Amino acid sequence: MKEILSTYPVAVWSIVSILLAAIVISALWDKVKWWWMNTWYSFPLIGHVARLSRDVSIDHQTGAFQGDLKLCRDYKKFIQLRNEHDFNEKISYLTKAGDLGRSGTPIFIWLLTTLLVFVEAMGFSYVLAGYTIPGASENTQQMGALGIAFLISVLLVALTHFSGHELYRSGKIKQARRSWLDAGRKHDLFTREVALATPQSVDDQFPIYTQLVNRVGAHPQYAITIATVIFVAVVAVGATFVRGKVLEKMLTQEVAGLNLSQAGSAGNGELKLDALVLPAHDQAQVQDSKDKVLHDTQDLDRSGGWGTFIVLAVIFVFLQFLGVLFGYKWGFAGKQSAAAFQAIGKGRFTSYEDVRAHYRNVADAAQAQLSSLDQRRQESGSSGTSSAAQARKMSFKDFMDRERNEDVRDLNSQHQHTQAYKPVPPAETLAAAPATDAPVASVPESEDDELARLERELAERRDAAQRRAKIEQMKKELASLEGNQP
């Protein structure tokens, strides 16, 4: 890696810059797509508006220009066809799950956590590579160190993130249980699991803690947290132990090398100093002084090395704690809160009015492009042809109204097919069913039919109640008349 960086620095930094730009673009992909589409539509000569202005073909179903429909469809991609009730249902789910205001983990947090853990893992993966790949060359050991660092980083980032998420979710459940105990256990803590597709008003009559448990779960879990603590402790202690052994090995090799050099220089066992042969007593004193200096140096190296390793181990543990903290701060406790968050625009909209404001912005931009397209078409003379004269001008609002109507018709058609393929109960089941005075309604084919059936039933029950009240009144009047007779 060092050789490549020193040989091709421009290419390496170009690749790094491209990767960073790709990361930024992916994080802001929605805004980038919007900017790019508007820019490309308005681009002179070769832009979409310039190209579509030359297309005067007409759609036979709507009677509008194909270019107008193409432009409207492109801008429709930035609008979610969602009604206010559906939006409020997602908000209600997030609120009852305790996740309103939270978001998923940002991309830059993932990158920061991964980078920090990878740098820390590289510090001891190189030491481990010498023992995991014994006898290998320097390049092979470096590649092995990178591989070990990558594996450890992936495991640590995943474990710490899910551990933080688990602690957040379990904390929510424990808080709900505490509120349930404080309330005196008046009813069941968990009543039913409420999915995102279920009407969120099904448990409005229950306390807030029951609503939360119905969407988050009733039992706290700490399996991932325990596994993370064990893994972090093993890596921290193991890496420190291996580093210490490598330090001891270096100090031992240093003493052995010094002894060998002294033995080779002594020759006949006598110590020479400035070409003079010292007496045996003086030689012993000099040797003792050298041994003391060597031992003191080794003690300093040993204590300094172990102190450094302990500090690195503490830093490593706190980095993992930071990963757990990131997992605790971001993420959702509800089982389907992530889907609800995705459905309301990833936190972009806090109310349905924000959805409407976004729709108006997109509609205004699309209508401006339609006006520019029509003006280009008139300037080029394309609108003067016989076929273009018969074309129907369609605004973006007309297009969206048509799309909504098509969506409603498609939904009703799906309901009709669903009802048509429903299994019919056997005849003996129908025969055994108890008879009731209430009118038997046919199976509804759509939401409109269901609403009409309910209105008919309500009107019939109201009429029946009025008839019964009138009969009771007549009975009272008849009894009163009979009582007044002589």
Protein backbone atom coordinates (compact mmCIF):
# COMPACT_ATOMS: atom_id res chain seq x y z
CA MET A 1 0.00 0.00 0.00
CA LYS A 2 2.84 2.38 0.82
CA GLU A 3 4.53 1.55 -2.47
CA ILE A 4 1.37 2.23 -4.45
CA LEU A 5 0.77 5.50 -2.59
CA SER A 6 4.34 6.68 -3.20
CA THR A 7 4.35 5.56 -6.85
CA TYR A 8 0.87 6.71 -7.92
CA PRO A 9 -0.19 9.42 -5.45
CA VAL A 10 -2.45 11.24 -7.92
CA ALA A 11 -4.33 8.06 -8.87
CA VAL A 12 -4.76 6.98 -5.25
CA TRP A 13 -6.09 10.32 -4.09
CA SER A 14 -8.35 10.51 -7.15
CA ILE A 15 -9.90 7.19 -6.21
CA VAL A 16 -10.32 8.33 -2.61
CA SER A 17 -11.98 11.55 -3.77
CA ILE A 18 -14.36 9.63 -6.02
CA LEU A 19 -15.31 7.31 -3.17
CA LEU A 20 -15.96 10.24 -0.83
CA ALA A 21 -18.05 11.96 -3.51
CA ALA A 22 -20.03 8.74 -4.02
CA ILE A 23 -20.70 8.54 -0.29
CA VAL A 24 -21.94 12.14 -0.16
CA ILE A 25 -24.13 11.63 -3.23
CA SER A 26 -25.66 8.47 -1.79
CA ALA A 27 -26.43 10.30 1.46
CA LEU A 28 -28.15 13.13 -0.45
CA TRP A 29 -29.48 11.01 -3.29
CA ASP A 30 -33.04 12.39 -3.29
CA LYS A 31 -31.85 15.98 -3.51
CA VAL A 32 -29.28 15.08 -6.15
CA LYS A 33 -31.93 13.37 -8.29
CA TRP A 34 -34.25 16.38 -8.01
CA TRP A 35 -31.49 18.83 -8.93
CA TRP A 36 -30.28 16.71 -11.82
CA MET A 37 -33.76 16.23 -13.33
CA ASN A 38 -34.58 19.95 -13.20
CA THR A 39 -31.18 20.81 -14.63
CA TRP A 40 -31.44 18.29 -17.44
CA TYR A 41 -34.98 19.38 -18.34
CA SER A 42 -33.91 23.03 -18.57
CA PHE A 43 -30.66 22.33 -20.39
CA PRO A 44 -30.60 24.22 -23.73
CA LEU A 45 -30.59 22.45 -27.09
CA ILE A 46 -30.23 18.88 -25.80
CA GLY A 47 -32.36 19.07 -22.64
CA HIS A 48 -35.61 17.16 -22.18
CA VAL A 49 -37.77 20.22 -22.88
CA ALA A 50 -35.94 20.92 -26.15
CA ARG A 51 -36.24 17.29 -27.20
CA LEU A 52 -39.90 16.82 -26.18
CA SER A 53 -40.93 20.04 -27.97
CA ARG A 54 -40.21 18.29 -31.27
CA ASP A 55 -42.51 15.37 -30.39
CA VAL A 56 -46.09 16.15 -31.47
CA SER A 57 -47.47 12.64 -31.11
CA ILE A 58 -50.74 12.44 -29.19
CA ASP A 59 -51.82 9.89 -26.63
CA HIS A 60 -55.12 8.40 -27.87
CA GLN A 61 -56.39 7.64 -24.37
CA THR A 62 -56.02 11.14 -22.91
CA GLY A 63 -55.75 13.25 -26.05
CA ALA A 64 -52.69 15.05 -24.69
CA PHE A 65 -49.18 15.29 -26.09
CA GLN A 66 -46.93 12.36 -25.33
CA GLY A 67 -44.23 14.81 -24.29
CA ASP A 68 -46.52 16.41 -21.68
CA LEU A 69 -47.35 13.00 -20.23
CA LYS A 70 -43.67 12.05 -20.15
CA LEU A 71 -42.81 15.23 -18.26
CA CYS A 72 -45.66 14.75 -15.77
CA ARG A 73 -44.68 11.14 -15.12
CA ASP A 74 -41.09 12.15 -14.41
CA TYR A 75 -42.18 14.73 -11.85
CA LYS A 76 -44.76 12.39 -10.37
CA LYS A 77 -41.89 10.17 -9.16
CA PHE A 78 -41.13 12.81 -6.52
CA ILE A 79 -44.68 12.75 -5.12
CA GLN A 80 -46.11 10.07 -2.89
CA LEU A 81 -49.79 9.42 -3.53
CA ARG A 82 -50.78 9.19 0.13
CA ASN A 83 -53.91 10.47 1.81
CA GLU A 84 -54.03 12.23 5.13
CA HIS A 85 -55.53 9.27 7.01
CA ASP A 86 -52.74 6.95 5.89
CA PHE A 87 -50.11 9.53 6.87
CA ASN A 88 -51.66 10.03 10.30
CA GLU A 89 -51.77 6.26 10.83
CA LYS A 90 -47.99 6.09 10.37
CA ILE A 91 -47.50 9.00 12.76
CA SER A 92 -49.79 7.31 15.28
CA TYR A 93 -47.78 4.09 15.10
CA LEU A 94 -44.52 5.93 15.71
CA THR A 95 -46.07 7.89 18.57
CA LYS A 96 -47.47 4.86 20.34
CA ALA A 97 -44.22 2.93 19.85
CA GLY A 98 -42.27 5.80 21.42
CA ASP A 99 -40.27 6.40 18.23
CA LEU A 100 -41.68 9.73 17.10
CA GLY A 101 -38.79 12.11 16.44
CA ARG A 102 -36.17 9.37 16.05
CA SER A 103 -34.46 8.39 12.83
CA GLY A 104 -32.23 5.71 11.41
CA THR A 105 -28.47 5.80 11.84
CA PRO A 106 -27.00 8.40 9.44
CA ILE A 107 -24.46 7.24 6.89
CA PHE A 108 -21.70 9.47 8.26
CA ILE A 109 -22.13 7.86 11.70
CA TRP A 110 -21.68 4.42 10.13
CA LEU A 111 -18.55 5.66 8.34
CA LEU A 112 -17.15 7.31 11.46
CA THR A 113 -17.71 4.23 13.61
CA THR A 114 -16.24 1.90 11.00
CA LEU A 115 -13.20 4.11 10.48
CA LEU A 116 -12.47 4.46 14.19
CA VAL A 117 -12.79 0.74 14.83
CA PHE A 118 -10.72 -0.13 11.75
CA VAL A 119 -7.87 2.17 12.79
CA GLU A 120 -7.89 0.69 16.28
CA ALA A 121 -8.05 -2.85 14.92
CA MET A 122 -5.08 -2.21 12.63
CA GLY A 123 -2.99 -1.48 15.70
CA PHE A 124 -3.11 -5.02 17.03
CA SER A 125 -4.06 -6.96 13.89
CA TYR A 126 -0.48 -6.56 12.62
CA VAL A 127 0.78 -8.08 15.87
CA LEU A 128 -1.71 -10.92 15.56
CA ALA A 129 -0.77 -11.53 11.92
CA GLY A 130 2.74 -12.52 12.97
CA TYR A 131 1.28 -15.40 14.99
CA THR A 132 -1.64 -16.31 12.73
CA ILE A 133 0.64 -16.48 9.67
CA PRO A 134 3.97 -17.69 11.11
CA GLY A 135 6.91 -17.77 8.70
CA ALA A 136 5.14 -15.62 6.11
CA SER A 137 6.81 -12.76 4.28
CA GLU A 138 6.36 -9.13 5.26
CA ASN A 139 3.87 -8.45 2.44
CA THR A 140 1.84 -11.53 3.33
CA GLN A 141 1.73 -10.48 6.97
CA GLN A 142 0.55 -7.01 5.97
CA MET A 143 -2.26 -8.49 3.85
CA GLY A 144 -3.15 -10.78 6.73
CA ALA A 145 -3.22 -7.81 9.10
CA LEU A 146 -5.65 -5.98 6.79
CA GLY A 147 -7.89 -9.03 6.60
CA ILE A 148 -7.91 -9.53 10.37
CA ALA A 149 -8.60 -5.84 10.94
CA PHE A 150 -11.52 -5.97 8.50
CA LEU A 151 -13.06 -9.03 10.19
CA ILE A 152 -12.71 -7.59 13.67
CA SER A 153 -14.10 -4.22 12.54
CA VAL A 154 -17.19 -5.76 10.94
CA LEU A 155 -17.93 -7.85 14.02
CA LEU A 156 -17.40 -5.00 16.44
CA VAL A 157 -19.42 -2.44 14.47
CA ALA A 158 -22.34 -4.84 14.04
CA LEU A 159 -22.33 -6.06 17.63
CA THR A 160 -22.04 -2.63 19.22
CA HIS A 161 -24.76 -1.15 16.99
CA PHE A 162 -27.26 -3.94 17.65
CA SER A 163 -26.34 -3.91 21.31
CA GLY A 164 -27.21 -0.22 21.57
CA HIS A 165 -30.48 -0.84 19.74
CA GLU A 166 -31.26 -3.74 22.06
CA LEU A 167 -30.59 -1.62 25.14
CA TYR A 168 -32.87 1.15 23.84
CA ARG A 169 -35.71 -1.28 23.09
CA SER A 170 -35.34 -3.09 26.41
CA GLY A 171 -35.27 0.23 28.23
CA LYS A 172 -38.60 1.16 26.65
CA ILE A 173 -40.13 -2.16 27.73
CA LYS A 174 -38.79 -1.82 31.29
CA GLN A 175 -40.21 1.69 31.51
CA ALA A 176 -43.60 0.42 30.35
CA ARG A 177 -43.49 -2.42 32.90
CA ARG A 178 -42.62 0.05 35.67
CA SER A 179 -45.61 2.21 34.73
CA TRP A 180 -47.81 -0.89 34.67
CA LEU A 181 -46.67 -1.89 38.17
CA ASP A 182 -47.18 1.64 39.48
CA ALA A 183 -50.73 1.57 38.09
CA GLY A 184 -51.49 -1.55 40.15
CA ARG A 185 -51.69 -4.11 37.35
CA LYS A 186 -55.31 -3.25 36.66
CA HIS A 187 -55.31 -5.10 33.35
CA ASP A 188 -52.99 -7.09 31.12
CA LEU A 189 -49.80 -5.32 30.11
CA PHE A 190 -49.88 -6.87 26.61
CA THR A 191 -53.22 -7.19 24.84
CA ARG A 192 -52.38 -7.88 21.20
CA GLU A 193 -49.66 -7.26 18.66
CA VAL A 194 -50.57 -4.22 16.59
CA ALA A 195 -49.08 -4.22 13.10
CA LEU A 196 -48.60 -1.19 10.91
CA ALA A 197 -51.43 -2.29 8.60
CA THR A 198 -53.84 -2.56 11.56
CA PRO A 199 -55.99 0.48 12.41
CA GLN A 200 -54.03 2.23 15.13
CA SER A 201 -57.18 3.08 17.08
CA VAL A 202 -57.72 -0.55 18.15
CA ASP A 203 -56.04 0.02 21.53
CA ASP A 204 -56.90 3.67 22.18
CA GLN A 205 -58.84 2.62 25.27
CA PHE A 206 -55.70 1.18 26.91
CA PRO A 207 -52.96 3.15 28.72
CA ILE A 208 -49.91 4.48 26.91
CA TYR A 209 -47.62 1.75 28.24
CA THR A 210 -49.89 -0.97 26.88
CA GLN A 211 -49.96 0.72 23.48
CA LEU A 212 -46.15 0.79 23.51
CA VAL A 213 -45.81 -2.88 24.48
CA ASN A 214 -48.27 -3.89 21.77
CA ARG A 215 -45.87 -2.49 19.17
CA VAL A 216 -42.46 -3.01 20.76
CA GLY A 217 -42.77 -6.27 22.68
CA ALA A 218 -43.35 -7.34 26.26
CA HIS A 219 -40.02 -8.88 27.24
CA PRO A 220 -36.62 -7.13 27.39
CA GLN A 221 -33.65 -8.98 25.90
CA TYR A 222 -29.92 -8.67 26.52
CA ALA A 223 -28.40 -11.56 24.56
CA ILE A 224 -26.62 -9.35 22.01
CA THR A 225 -25.39 -7.02 24.75
CA ILE A 226 -23.89 -9.91 26.72
CA ALA A 227 -22.22 -11.29 23.59
CA THR A 228 -20.82 -7.83 22.78
CA VAL A 229 -19.36 -7.39 26.28
CA ILE A 230 -17.72 -10.83 26.14
CA PHE A 231 -16.30 -10.26 22.66
CA VAL A 232 -14.96 -6.78 23.46
CA ALA A 233 -13.37 -8.04 26.70
CA VAL A 234 -11.75 -11.00 24.93
CA VAL A 235 -10.36 -8.81 22.14
CA ALA A 236 -9.09 -6.12 24.55
CA VAL A 237 -7.45 -8.57 26.96
CA GLY A 238 -6.15 -10.83 24.19
CA ALA A 239 -4.68 -7.98 22.17
CA THR A 240 -3.01 -6.50 25.27
CA PHE A 241 -1.61 -9.90 26.23
CA VAL A 242 -0.18 -10.51 22.75
CA ARG A 243 1.32 -7.03 22.65
CA GLY A 244 2.94 -7.65 26.02
CA LYS A 245 4.42 -10.94 24.87
CA VAL A 246 5.82 -9.27 21.77
CA LEU A 247 7.38 -6.61 23.97
CA GLU A 248 8.97 -9.25 26.21
CA LYS A 249 10.26 -11.04 23.14
CA MET A 250 11.87 -7.85 21.85
CA LEU A 251 13.53 -7.18 25.20
CA THR A 252 14.85 -10.74 25.41
CA GLN A 253 16.22 -10.56 21.88
CA GLU A 254 17.86 -7.25 22.77
CA VAL A 255 19.68 -8.85 25.76
CA ALA A 256 20.68 -11.89 23.72
CA GLY A 257 22.05 -9.72 20.91
CA LEU A 258 24.00 -7.56 23.33
CA ASN A 259 25.52 -10.61 25.02
CA LEU A 260 26.56 -12.05 21.67
CA SER A 261 28.18 -8.79 20.65
CA GLN A 262 30.05 -8.60 23.95
CA ALA A 263 31.21 -12.19 23.64
CA GLY A 264 32.53 -11.58 20.14
CA SER A 265 34.34 -8.40 21.12
CA ALA A 266 35.91 -9.91 24.26
CA GLY A 267 37.62 -12.70 22.31
CA ASN A 268 39.73 -14.18 25.08
CA GLY A 269 37.33 -13.29 27.92
CA GLU A 270 39.11 -10.03 28.82
CA LEU A 271 37.49 -6.67 28.42
CA LYS A 272 39.48 -4.13 26.41
CA LEU A 273 38.94 -0.41 26.87
CA ASP A 274 40.83 2.08 24.64
CA ALA A 275 43.28 -0.67 23.57
CA LEU A 276 44.09 -1.36 27.24
CA VAL A 277 43.45 -4.56 29.11
CA LEU A 278 41.77 -3.84 32.45
CA PRO A 279 42.36 -5.96 35.52
CA ALA A 280 39.78 -8.62 36.35
CA HIS A 281 38.38 -6.61 39.27
CA ASP A 282 37.82 -3.53 37.09
CA GLN A 283 36.33 -5.66 34.33
CA ALA A 284 33.74 -7.00 36.77
CA GLN A 285 32.79 -3.50 37.90
CA VAL A 286 32.39 -2.27 34.32
CA GLN A 287 30.28 -5.32 33.42
CA ASP A 288 28.08 -4.80 36.46
CA SER A 289 27.55 -1.18 35.47
CA LYS A 290 26.58 -2.19 31.93
CA ASP A 291 24.19 -4.87 33.22
CA LYS A 292 22.56 -2.36 35.56
CA VAL A 293 22.08 0.15 32.74
CA LEU A 294 20.64 -2.60 30.53
CA HIS A 295 18.23 -3.80 33.22
CA ASP A 296 17.12 -0.25 34.03
CA THR A 297 16.53 0.44 30.35
CA GLN A 298 14.54 -2.75 30.00
CA ASP A 299 12.46 -1.92 33.07
CA LEU A 300 11.66 1.49 31.62
CA ASP A 301 10.78 -0.02 28.24
CA ARG A 302 8.68 -2.71 29.89
CA SER A 303 6.72 -0.32 32.13
CA GLY A 304 6.30 2.21 29.32
CA GLY A 305 5.17 -0.47 26.87
CA TRP A 306 2.66 -1.99 29.27
CA GLY A 307 1.34 1.46 30.15
CA THR A 308 0.87 2.21 26.48
CA PHE A 309 -0.92 -1.10 25.90
CA ILE A 310 -3.27 -0.47 28.83
CA VAL A 311 -4.12 3.00 27.50
CA LEU A 312 -4.77 1.52 24.04
CA ALA A 313 -7.03 -1.12 25.60
CA VAL A 314 -8.99 1.58 27.43
CA ILE A 315 -9.33 3.59 24.22
CA PHE A 316 -10.50 0.46 22.42
CA VAL A 317 -13.17 -0.22 25.05
CA PHE A 318 -14.41 3.37 24.96
CA LEU A 319 -14.62 3.24 21.16
CA GLN A 320 -16.91 0.25 21.49
CA PHE A 321 -18.91 2.13 24.10
CA LEU A 322 -19.24 4.95 21.57
CA GLY A 323 -20.58 2.44 19.01
CA VAL A 324 -23.15 1.23 21.57
CA LEU A 325 -24.11 4.84 22.27
CA PHE A 326 -24.65 5.48 18.54
CA GLY A 327 -26.85 2.39 18.34
CA TYR A 328 -28.81 3.58 21.36
CA LYS A 329 -29.32 7.10 20.01
CA TRP A 330 -30.43 6.13 16.51
CA GLY A 331 -32.83 3.40 15.45
CA PHE A 332 -36.34 2.34 16.42
CA ALA A 333 -37.89 0.24 19.16
CA GLY A 334 -41.13 -0.60 17.35
CA LYS A 335 -41.12 -3.71 15.20
CA GLN A 336 -42.37 -1.80 12.16
CA SER A 337 -41.31 1.72 13.07
CA ALA A 338 -38.61 1.70 10.39
CA ALA A 339 -41.26 0.99 7.73
CA ALA A 340 -43.49 3.75 9.11
CA PHE A 341 -40.54 6.16 9.13
CA GLN A 342 -39.76 5.23 5.53
CA ALA A 343 -43.39 5.73 4.50
CA ILE A 344 -43.58 9.31 5.79
CA GLY A 345 -40.51 10.39 3.86
CA LYS A 346 -37.72 9.32 6.25
CA GLY A 347 -38.56 12.08 8.71
CA ARG A 348 -38.82 14.73 6.03
CA PHE A 349 -42.46 15.42 6.87
CA THR A 350 -43.64 16.03 10.42
CA SER A 351 -47.25 16.77 9.48
CA TYR A 352 -49.54 16.32 6.52
CA GLU A 353 -49.18 20.03 5.81
CA ASP A 354 -45.50 19.36 5.08
CA VAL A 355 -46.60 16.72 2.57
CA ARG A 356 -48.90 19.24 0.95
CA ALA A 357 -46.14 21.87 0.83
CA HIS A 358 -43.80 19.38 -0.85
CA TYR A 359 -46.53 18.50 -3.34
CA ARG A 360 -47.08 22.17 -4.18
CA ASN A 361 -43.35 22.70 -4.76
CA VAL A 362 -43.15 19.74 -7.13
CA ALA A 363 -46.39 20.75 -8.88
CA ASP A 364 -45.17 24.31 -9.39
CA ALA A 365 -41.87 23.12 -10.84
CA ALA A 366 -43.65 20.64 -13.14
CA GLN A 367 -46.15 23.27 -14.31
CA ALA A 368 -43.32 25.68 -15.08
CA GLN A 369 -41.63 23.02 -17.22
CA LEU A 370 -44.95 22.30 -18.97
CA SER A 371 -45.35 25.99 -19.79
CA SER A 372 -41.78 26.10 -21.09
CA LEU A 373 -42.45 23.01 -23.19
CA ASP A 374 -45.61 24.51 -24.68
CA GLN A 375 -43.77 27.74 -25.47
CA ARG A 376 -40.94 25.83 -27.17
CA ARG A 377 -43.48 23.87 -29.16
CA GLN A 378 -45.12 27.09 -30.38
CA GLU A 379 -41.80 28.71 -31.23
CA SER A 380 -40.73 25.71 -33.29
CA GLY A 381 -44.06 25.66 -35.14
CA SER A 382 -44.87 22.13 -34.06
CA SER A 383 -48.16 23.17 -32.50
CA GLY A 384 -49.44 24.38 -35.85
CA THR A 385 -49.83 20.92 -37.37
CA SER A 386 -53.29 19.41 -37.79
CA SER A 387 -52.68 16.68 -35.24
CA ALA A 388 -51.26 19.08 -32.69
CA ALA A 389 -54.24 21.39 -33.08
CA GLN A 390 -56.47 18.57 -31.84
CA ALA A 391 -54.31 17.90 -28.81
CA ARG A 392 -55.74 18.57 -25.38
CA LYS A 393 -53.67 20.75 -23.10
CA MET A 394 -53.15 19.05 -19.79
CA SER A 395 -51.89 20.78 -16.66
CA PHE A 396 -49.98 18.95 -13.98
CA LYS A 397 -52.99 19.23 -11.68
CA ASP A 398 -55.20 17.54 -14.31
CA PHE A 399 -52.62 14.80 -14.68
CA MET A 400 -52.47 14.16 -10.93
CA ASP A 401 -56.28 14.12 -10.67
CA ARG A 402 -56.38 11.53 -13.40
CA GLU A 403 -53.68 9.46 -11.68
CA ARG A 404 -55.55 9.56 -8.38
CA ASN A 405 -58.77 8.42 -10.06
CA GLU A 406 -56.90 5.62 -11.76
CA ASP A 407 -55.39 4.61 -8.45
CA VAL A 408 -58.83 4.52 -6.79
CA ARG A 409 -60.29 2.45 -9.64
CA ASP A 410 -57.38 0.05 -9.46
CA LEU A 411 -57.85 -0.30 -5.70
CA ASN A 412 -61.56 -1.00 -6.09
CA SER A 413 -60.77 -3.57 -8.76
CA GLN A 414 -58.38 -5.32 -6.41
CA HIS A 415 -61.05 -5.38 -3.71
CA GLN A 416 -63.54 -6.87 -6.15
CA HIS A 417 -61.13 -9.63 -7.14
CA THR A 418 -60.33 -10.29 -3.48
CA GLN A 419 -64.01 -10.65 -2.61
CA ALA A 420 -64.64 -12.80 -5.67
CA TYR A 421 -61.98 -15.30 -4.64
CA LYS A 422 -62.98 -15.47 -0.98
CA PRO A 423 -63.80 -19.03 0.13
CA VAL A 424 -67.55 -19.66 0.43
CA PRO A 425 -68.61 -21.23 3.78
CA PRO A 426 -70.13 -24.72 3.51
CA ALA A 427 -73.88 -25.13 3.43
CA GLU A 428 -74.07 -26.83 6.85
CA THR A 429 -72.31 -23.87 8.43
CA LEU A 430 -74.85 -21.49 6.96
CA ALA A 431 -77.69 -23.72 8.10
CA ALA A 432 -76.34 -23.90 11.64
CA ALA A 433 -75.96 -20.16 11.92
CA PRO A 434 -78.50 -18.62 14.35
CA ALA A 435 -81.23 -16.54 12.77
CA THR A 436 -81.32 -12.87 13.63
CA ASP A 437 -83.76 -10.08 13.06
CA ALA A 438 -81.09 -7.94 11.52
CA PRO A 439 -81.12 -7.78 7.72
CA VAL A 440 -78.52 -9.93 6.01
CA ALA A 441 -76.17 -7.78 3.95
CA SER A 442 -74.38 -9.05 0.89
CA VAL A 443 -70.60 -9.21 0.81
CA PRO A 444 -69.29 -5.76 -0.12
CA GLU A 445 -67.27 -5.46 -3.28
CA SER A 446 -65.45 -2.27 -2.44
CA GLU A 447 -64.95 0.32 0.27
CA ASP A 448 -67.82 2.42 -1.15
CA ASP A 449 -70.17 -0.61 -1.06
CA GLU A 450 -69.10 -1.34 2.51
CA LEU A 451 -69.87 2.24 3.54
CA ALA A 452 -73.25 2.14 1.79
CA ARG A 453 -74.13 -1.14 3.52
CA LEU A 454 -73.29 0.29 6.92
CA GLU A 455 -75.40 3.38 6.21
CA ARG A 456 -78.36 1.18 5.17
CA GLU A 457 -78.07 -0.91 8.30
CA LEU A 458 -77.91 2.21 10.46
CA ALA A 459 -81.00 3.67 8.74
CA GLU A 460 -82.92 0.40 9.13
CA ARG A 461 -82.04 0.17 12.82
CA ARG A 462 -83.06 3.78 13.32
CA ASP A 463 -86.42 3.11 11.61
CA ALA A 464 -86.95 -0.04 13.69
CA ALA A 465 -86.23 1.90 16.89
CA GLN A 466 -88.69 4.59 15.85
CA ARG A 467 -91.35 1.98 15.09
CA ARG A 468 -90.84 0.29 18.46
CA ALA A 469 -91.07 3.65 20.24
CA LYS A 470 -94.26 4.47 18.35
CA ILE A 471 -95.81 1.10 19.25
CA GLU A 472 -94.94 1.59 22.92
CA GLN A 473 -96.51 5.05 22.83
CA MET A 474 -99.68 3.63 21.26
CA LYS A 475 -99.85 0.91 23.92
CA LYS A 476 -99.59 3.50 26.66
CA GLU A 477 -102.32 5.61 25.09
CA LEU A 478 -104.55 2.53 24.68
CA ALA A 479 -104.02 1.55 28.33
CA SER A 480 -104.81 5.08 29.38
CA LEU A 481 -108.08 5.05 27.41
CA GLU A 482 -109.08 1.68 28.88
CA GLY A 483 -108.39 2.96 32.38
CA ASN A 484 -110.62 6.02 31.83
CA GLN A 485 -113.66 3.95 30.71
CA PRO A 486 -116.45 3.56 33.35
